[in-house]
Structure formats: C-alpha cells, structure tokens
Amino acid sequence: MSTTNSSVWIVSRVTLEETPAPGPWVKRAACAGMPTDWFFPDDPADSETARAVCRPCPVRYDCAAYALAVPGIGGIWGGLSETDRRRLRRCEGALSQKQMLAAAFR
C-alpha cells in the first residue's frame, strides 16, 4: 500500500488481515518461539535484543526480503527495523532487492 510521488514513499500501516503470510522459511527462524515483543519494541532503541537474535539466523535474508516486499509492516525482520527498510526502499529504483539486502548486511 504505497505510492510514489517524486521518489517519496507514502507508506501506511497494513493490518494483519492484509499482510501476506511469510513463507515456509519461518519455521527455521531463530526467533521461532521467542517473545514477539522483542521484535516489536515500543521504543526503537530497544531493538538490540531482536537484532542479536537475527544476526546468526539461517533465514535472515528471506525474512528481510519478506519485510521489504510488504511496505508498512512493523517490527524487526531479518535484523532490519522499519527505518532501515525505508532507507533501503529509497534506493529501490537503483538497486535490485538482492543488492539492497547485500548492502544492508555488509
């Protein structure tokens, strides 16, 4: 649910009902069974616990790619915050999703 206007993204939050489900990779995620509030912190400064779980996760790229494909989804996905994903999307026209993820995980 986003539109572009002179390369400015207007993103609205999507509801759970509007969000496509993640793929089967989610079963192998390091966060499976962990408290979800770690990944949806009220204060963005409290995201380090989630990022620490994501760093060694075997499906980190799949998770981040999922979140990049669903504008407006909240929380930490693949170690990327909403702010991180917005920054990457600004470069979307110049980079492929694979290049965006490679840049994010340098």
C-alpha atoms as a PDB file:
ATOM      1  CA  MET A   1       0.000   0.000   0.000  1.00  0.00           C
ATOM      2  CA  SER A   2       2.432   2.606  -1.062  1.00  0.00           C
ATOM      3  CA  THR A   3       2.562   5.119  -3.795  1.00  0.00           C
ATOM      4  CA  THR A   4       5.425   7.107  -5.124  1.00  0.00           C
ATOM      5  CA  ASN A   5       5.379  10.808  -5.693  1.00  0.00           C
ATOM      6  CA  SER A   6       8.633  12.332  -6.915  1.00  0.00           C
ATOM      7  CA  SER A   7      10.550   9.435  -5.326  1.00  0.00           C
ATOM      8  CA  VAL A   8       8.893   9.979  -1.939  1.00  0.00           C
ATOM      9  CA  TRP A   9       7.269   6.904  -0.425  1.00  0.00           C
ATOM     10  CA  ILE A  10       3.960   7.272   1.318  1.00  0.00           C
ATOM     11  CA  VAL A  11       3.558   4.142   3.413  1.00  0.00           C
ATOM     12  CA  SER A  12       0.570   3.253   5.520  1.00  0.00           C
ATOM     13  CA  ARG A  13       0.475   0.504   8.103  1.00  0.00           C
ATOM     14  CA  VAL A  14      -1.105  -2.699   6.902  1.00  0.00           C
ATOM     15  CA  THR A  15      -3.423  -4.741   9.059  1.00  0.00           C
ATOM     16  CA  LEU A  16      -2.742  -8.358   9.890  1.00  0.00           C
ATOM     17  CA  GLU A  17      -5.557  -9.404   7.568  1.00  0.00           C
ATOM     18  CA  GLU A  18      -3.959  -7.501   4.656  1.00  0.00           C
ATOM     19  CA  THR A  19      -0.471  -8.907   5.216  1.00  0.00           C
ATOM     20  CA  PRO A  20       0.535 -11.970   3.219  1.00  0.00           C
ATOM     21  CA  ALA A  21       1.863 -14.789   5.385  1.00  0.00           C
ATOM     22  CA  PRO A  22       5.609 -15.424   5.446  1.00  0.00           C
ATOM     23  CA  GLY A  23       6.914 -18.448   3.576  1.00  0.00           C
ATOM     24  CA  PRO A  24       7.851 -21.870   4.951  1.00  0.00           C
ATOM     25  CA  TRP A  25      11.260 -20.472   5.908  1.00  0.00           C
ATOM     26  CA  VAL A  26       9.660 -19.028   9.057  1.00  0.00           C
ATOM     27  CA  LYS A  27       9.742 -22.497  10.670  1.00  0.00           C
ATOM     28  CA  ARG A  28      13.565 -22.388  10.602  1.00  0.00           C
ATOM     29  CA  ALA A  29      13.803 -18.855  12.005  1.00  0.00           C
ATOM     30  CA  ALA A  30      15.951 -18.306  15.093  1.00  0.00           C
ATOM     31  CA  CYS A  31      13.105 -16.251  16.594  1.00  0.00           C
ATOM     32  CA  ALA A  32      10.578 -19.099  16.488  1.00  0.00           C
ATOM     33  CA  GLY A  33       9.109 -19.414  19.963  1.00  0.00           C
ATOM     34  CA  MET A  34      10.701 -16.234  21.291  1.00  0.00           C
ATOM     35  CA  PRO A  35       8.660 -13.368  22.767  1.00  0.00           C
ATOM     36  CA  THR A  36       7.197 -11.328  19.920  1.00  0.00           C
ATOM     37  CA  ASP A  37       7.504  -8.104  21.900  1.00  0.00           C
ATOM     38  CA  TRP A  38      11.294  -8.322  21.379  1.00  0.00           C
ATOM     39  CA  PHE A  39      10.660  -7.848  17.652  1.00  0.00           C
ATOM     40  CA  PHE A  40       8.006  -5.151  18.008  1.00  0.00           C
ATOM     41  CA  PRO A  41       9.524  -2.802  20.603  1.00  0.00           C
ATOM     42  CA  ASP A  42       7.666   0.326  21.679  1.00  0.00           C
ATOM     43  CA  ASP A  43      10.945   2.236  21.659  1.00  0.00           C
ATOM     44  CA  PRO A  44      13.121   1.723  18.561  1.00  0.00           C
ATOM     45  CA  ALA A  45      16.174   1.966  20.830  1.00  0.00           C
ATOM     46  CA  ASP A  46      15.089  -1.338  22.413  1.00  0.00           C
ATOM     47  CA  SER A  47      15.620  -3.354  19.227  1.00  0.00           C
ATOM     48  CA  GLU A  48      19.083  -4.709  20.041  1.00  0.00           C
ATOM     49  CA  THR A  49      17.776  -7.967  21.529  1.00  0.00           C
ATOM     50  CA  ALA A  50      15.885  -8.725  18.321  1.00  0.00           C
ATOM     51  CA  ARG A  51      18.843  -7.761  16.154  1.00  0.00           C
ATOM     52  CA  ALA A  52      21.085 -10.083  18.195  1.00  0.00           C
ATOM     53  CA  VAL A  53      18.687 -12.978  17.546  1.00  0.00           C
ATOM     54  CA  CYS A  54      18.567 -12.135  13.831  1.00  0.00           C
ATOM     55  CA  ARG A  55      22.330 -11.868  13.214  1.00  0.00           C
ATOM     56  CA  PRO A  56      23.086 -15.622  13.133  1.00  0.00           C
ATOM     57  CA  CYS A  57      19.641 -16.658  11.870  1.00  0.00           C
ATOM     58  CA  PRO A  58      19.762 -19.089   8.905  1.00  0.00           C
ATOM     59  CA  VAL A  59      16.756 -17.403   7.226  1.00  0.00           C
ATOM     60  CA  ARG A  60      17.754 -13.788   7.835  1.00  0.00           C
ATOM     61  CA  TYR A  61      17.794 -12.885   4.135  1.00  0.00           C
ATOM     62  CA  ASP A  62      14.390 -14.481   3.492  1.00  0.00           C
ATOM     63  CA  CYS A  63      12.938 -12.668   6.488  1.00  0.00           C
ATOM     64  CA  ALA A  64      14.341  -9.277   5.476  1.00  0.00           C
ATOM     65  CA  ALA A  65      13.223  -9.818   1.871  1.00  0.00           C
ATOM     66  CA  TYR A  66       9.702 -10.586   3.102  1.00  0.00           C
ATOM     67  CA  ALA A  67       9.576  -7.369   5.129  1.00  0.00           C
ATOM     68  CA  LEU A  68      10.944  -5.338   2.223  1.00  0.00           C
ATOM     69  CA  ALA A  69       8.212  -6.762  -0.014  1.00  0.00           C
ATOM     70  CA  VAL A  70       5.454  -5.748   2.423  1.00  0.00           C
ATOM     71  CA  PRO A  71       5.606  -1.959   2.897  1.00  0.00           C
ATOM     72  CA  GLY A  72       4.117  -0.797   6.156  1.00  0.00           C
ATOM     73  CA  ILE A  73       4.851  -3.974   8.104  1.00  0.00           C
ATOM     74  CA  GLY A  74       6.143  -3.093  11.548  1.00  0.00           C
ATOM     75  CA  GLY A  75       8.840  -4.550  13.723  1.00  0.00           C
ATOM     76  CA  ILE A  76      12.277  -6.042  13.278  1.00  0.00           C
ATOM     77  CA  TRP A  77      12.516  -8.525  10.396  1.00  0.00           C
ATOM     78  CA  GLY A  78      15.834 -10.073   9.392  1.00  0.00           C
ATOM     79  CA  GLY A  79      17.542  -7.628  11.712  1.00  0.00           C
ATOM     80  CA  LEU A  80      16.133  -4.610   9.869  1.00  0.00           C
ATOM     81  CA  SER A  81      13.909  -2.029  11.527  1.00  0.00           C
ATOM     82  CA  GLU A  82      11.159  -0.103   9.780  1.00  0.00           C
ATOM     83  CA  THR A  83      13.596   2.814   9.438  1.00  0.00           C
ATOM     84  CA  ASP A  84      16.266   0.551   7.917  1.00  0.00           C
ATOM     85  CA  ARG A  85      13.774  -0.783   5.388  1.00  0.00           C
ATOM     86  CA  ARG A  86      12.550   2.713   4.477  1.00  0.00           C
ATOM     87  CA  ARG A  87      16.144   3.752   3.769  1.00  0.00           C
ATOM     88  CA  LEU A  88      16.667   0.725   1.558  1.00  0.00           C
ATOM     89  CA  ARG A  89      13.421   1.334  -0.336  1.00  0.00           C
ATOM     90  CA  ARG A  90      14.534   4.864  -1.193  1.00  0.00           C
ATOM     91  CA  CYS A  91      17.301   3.244  -3.248  1.00  0.00           C
ATOM     92  CA  GLU A  92      14.909   0.705  -4.765  1.00  0.00           C
ATOM     93  CA  GLY A  93      14.893   2.241  -8.225  1.00  0.00           C
ATOM     94  CA  ALA A  94      18.662   1.979  -8.470  1.00  0.00           C
ATOM     95  CA  LEU A  95      19.124  -1.389  -6.745  1.00  0.00           C
ATOM     96  CA  SER A  96      17.594  -4.825  -7.021  1.00  0.00           C
ATOM     97  CA  GLN A  97      16.235  -6.407  -3.857  1.00  0.00           C
ATOM     98  CA  LYS A  98      19.284  -8.705  -3.790  1.00  0.00           C
ATOM     99  CA  GLN A  99      21.587  -5.666  -3.956  1.00  0.00           C
ATOM    100  CA  MET A 100      19.579  -3.908  -1.218  1.00  0.00           C
ATOM    101  CA  LEU A 101      19.937  -6.903   1.095  1.00  0.00           C
ATOM    102  CA  ALA A 102      23.650  -7.217   0.345  1.00  0.00           C
ATOM    103  CA  ALA A 103      24.082  -3.544   1.228  1.00  0.00           C
ATOM    104  CA  ALA A 104      22.070  -3.957   4.423  1.00  0.00           C
ATOM    105  CA  PHE A 105      24.136  -6.884   5.671  1.00  0.00           C
ATOM    106  CA  ARG A 106      27.641  -5.574   4.949  1.00  0.00           C
END
